[in-house]
Protein backbone atom coordinates (compact mmCIF):
# COMPACT_ATOMS: atom_id res chain seq x y z
CA MET A 1 -35.52 19.10 -130.80
CA THR A 2 -34.03 15.67 -131.41
CA THR A 3 -36.26 12.54 -130.78
CA ASP A 4 -33.26 10.17 -130.24
CA LEU A 5 -33.06 10.06 -126.55
CA SER A 6 -31.04 6.87 -126.39
CA ALA A 7 -27.79 8.85 -126.96
CA ASP A 8 -28.61 11.53 -124.48
CA PRO A 9 -26.25 11.20 -121.45
CA PHE A 10 -28.86 12.97 -119.11
CA TYR A 11 -29.55 10.82 -116.03
CA VAL A 12 -31.33 11.34 -112.76
CA ARG A 13 -32.03 8.89 -109.93
CA TYR A 14 -33.65 9.53 -106.63
CA TYR A 15 -34.04 6.96 -103.75
CA THR A 16 -35.42 7.29 -100.35
CA GLY A 17 -35.85 4.40 -97.88
CA HIS A 18 -35.10 2.61 -94.60
CA GLN A 19 -34.90 -0.72 -93.07
CA GLY A 20 -37.65 -1.00 -90.39
CA GLN A 21 -40.08 -3.48 -88.78
CA HIS A 22 -41.77 -3.96 -92.25
CA GLY A 23 -38.54 -4.78 -93.91
CA HIS A 24 -36.72 -2.59 -96.64
CA GLU A 25 -39.32 0.15 -97.68
CA PHE A 26 -38.37 2.45 -100.35
CA LEU A 27 -39.42 4.67 -103.10
CA GLU A 28 -37.08 5.11 -106.17
CA PHE A 29 -37.15 6.49 -109.58
CA GLU A 30 -34.61 6.75 -112.40
CA TYR A 31 -34.67 8.49 -115.72
CA SER A 32 -32.14 7.38 -118.45
CA ASN A 33 -32.16 7.30 -122.26
CA GLY A 34 -35.80 8.20 -122.64
CA ARG A 35 -37.12 5.73 -120.03
CA LEU A 36 -38.56 6.48 -116.61
CA ARG A 37 -38.54 3.63 -114.20
CA TYR A 38 -40.39 3.79 -110.83
CA ALA A 39 -40.40 1.49 -107.78
CA ASN A 40 -42.24 1.71 -104.50
CA ASN A 41 -41.98 -1.03 -101.87
CA SER A 42 -44.00 -0.93 -98.71
CA ASN A 43 -44.58 -3.99 -96.70
CA TYR A 44 -46.98 -2.17 -94.35
CA ARG A 45 -50.26 -4.45 -94.19
CA ASN A 46 -48.58 -6.83 -96.60
CA ASP A 47 -48.42 -4.26 -99.53
CA SER A 48 -46.27 -5.36 -102.35
CA LEU A 49 -43.60 -3.94 -104.62
CA ILE A 50 -45.07 -1.54 -107.20
CA ARG A 51 -43.09 -1.11 -110.43
CA LYS A 52 -43.89 1.24 -113.32
CA GLU A 53 -42.04 1.90 -116.47
CA MET A 54 -42.59 4.27 -119.32
CA TYR A 55 -40.93 6.20 -122.10
CA LEU A 56 -41.00 9.98 -122.18
CA SER A 57 -41.52 12.23 -125.00
CA PRO A 58 -38.59 14.71 -125.83
CA LEU A 59 -40.84 17.57 -124.58
CA THR A 60 -41.23 15.90 -121.24
CA VAL A 61 -37.46 15.13 -120.99
CA ALA A 62 -36.76 18.75 -121.79
CA GLU A 63 -39.00 19.79 -118.86
CA LEU A 64 -37.22 17.21 -116.53
CA LYS A 65 -33.85 18.65 -117.57
CA GLN A 66 -35.19 22.25 -117.03
CA ILE A 67 -36.38 21.37 -113.45
CA VAL A 68 -32.95 19.88 -112.56
CA SER A 69 -30.87 22.58 -114.23
CA SER A 70 -32.87 25.52 -112.88
CA SER A 71 -32.55 24.07 -109.36
CA GLU A 72 -28.74 24.66 -109.64
CA ILE A 73 -28.29 21.44 -107.54
CA VAL A 74 -24.81 20.92 -109.38
CA LYS A 75 -23.42 23.87 -107.28
CA GLU A 76 -24.31 22.12 -103.92
CA ASP A 77 -22.09 19.81 -101.86
CA ASP A 78 -23.54 17.39 -99.26
CA LYS A 79 -20.46 17.33 -96.90
CA ASN A 80 -22.29 19.30 -94.21
CA TRP A 81 -25.70 17.71 -94.73
CA PRO A 82 -27.14 15.28 -92.15
CA LYS A 83 -25.80 11.71 -92.51
CA LYS A 84 -28.17 8.81 -93.16
CA ASN A 85 -29.48 7.36 -89.83
CA ILE A 86 -32.02 4.75 -88.44
CA VAL A 87 -34.79 6.89 -89.90
CA GLY A 88 -33.46 6.38 -93.37
CA LYS A 89 -31.66 8.08 -96.12
CA GLN A 90 -32.08 9.76 -99.49
CA GLU A 91 -29.92 9.64 -102.42
CA LEU A 92 -29.92 11.86 -105.52
CA GLU A 93 -27.65 11.20 -108.58
CA VAL A 94 -27.52 13.54 -111.56
CA LYS A 95 -25.56 13.39 -114.90
CA MET A 96 -25.98 16.54 -116.81
CA GLY A 97 -23.60 18.12 -119.29
CA ASP A 98 -20.20 17.90 -117.79
CA TYR A 99 -21.59 17.17 -114.34
CA HIS A 100 -22.02 13.97 -112.55
CA ILE A 101 -23.03 14.39 -108.98
CA SER A 102 -24.35 12.30 -106.23
CA PHE A 103 -25.81 13.14 -102.88
CA GLU A 104 -26.58 11.11 -99.71
CA THR A 105 -28.40 12.59 -96.69
CA ALA A 106 -30.81 11.70 -93.98
CA LYS A 107 -34.57 11.74 -94.72
CA ILE A 108 -36.04 15.22 -94.39
CA GLY A 109 -39.34 15.43 -92.64
CA SER A 110 -40.15 19.04 -93.29
CA LEU A 111 -38.38 22.52 -93.82
CA VAL A 112 -37.73 22.44 -90.00
CA ASP A 113 -35.18 19.72 -90.62
CA VAL A 114 -33.81 21.78 -93.50
CA GLN A 115 -33.46 25.02 -91.48
CA GLY A 116 -31.92 23.19 -88.57
CA SER A 117 -29.04 21.68 -90.71
CA ASP A 118 -25.49 22.84 -91.02
CA ASP A 119 -26.16 23.87 -94.73
CA PRO A 120 -29.74 25.18 -94.76
CA ASP A 121 -29.24 26.81 -98.17
CA GLY A 122 -27.92 23.68 -99.79
CA MET A 123 -30.45 21.45 -98.16
CA ARG A 124 -33.29 23.78 -99.29
CA VAL A 125 -32.14 23.38 -102.95
CA PHE A 126 -32.14 19.59 -102.51
CA TYR A 127 -35.50 19.45 -100.69
CA TYR A 128 -37.33 21.59 -103.35
CA LEU A 129 -35.85 19.87 -106.32
CA VAL A 130 -36.91 16.43 -104.70
CA GLN A 131 -40.27 17.86 -104.25
CA ASP A 132 -40.54 19.05 -107.82
CA LEU A 133 -39.19 15.64 -109.18
CA LYS A 134 -41.68 13.64 -107.05
CA ILE A 135 -44.57 15.93 -108.37
CA LEU A 136 -43.60 15.38 -111.93
CA VAL A 137 -42.98 11.55 -111.67
CA PHE A 138 -46.30 10.96 -109.64
CA SER A 139 -48.24 13.06 -112.30
CA LEU A 140 -46.65 11.05 -115.08
CA ILE A 141 -47.51 7.79 -113.33
CA ALA A 142 -51.13 8.97 -112.60
CA LEU A 143 -51.56 10.06 -116.46
CA ASN A 144 -50.05 6.85 -117.72
CA PHE A 145 -51.36 4.15 -115.47
CA LYS A 146 -54.92 3.61 -114.15
CA ILE A 147 -54.80 1.64 -111.03
CA LYS A 148 -58.70 1.22 -110.87
CA PRO A 149 -60.09 1.73 -114.49
CA THR A 150 -63.56 3.15 -114.66
CA HIS A 151 -65.98 2.08 -117.27
């Protein structure tokens, strides 16, 4: 396994957000060239923008690629997915091998929203991939950054 991730064309970016009474609130993460960047902006109760950045090991990157690849998201098309609306939107962009795909859809509240869409199979692939990516990213952040250190 190569340790030079700077030349690897694999890329993934996820964004979910909306413009509301508290301003532009969003969650976004992006992986590229060995680096994972994370941002979370919530103005609720005057919270501020949280930004985290870390470099991933080749083994962790291989797991990230496996999650994306095994989801088979590259076989999906968002043309029949719910369009972004006042509730917000989600975006997913992936560059992997010969594929460069980009999706945009409304926020998904639960599997009920997925089942009620015009493309429940495609939306289910998207929904579970996003859940898997969030779990990985949140776990990496929790492992690498201590918000309240203990002594």
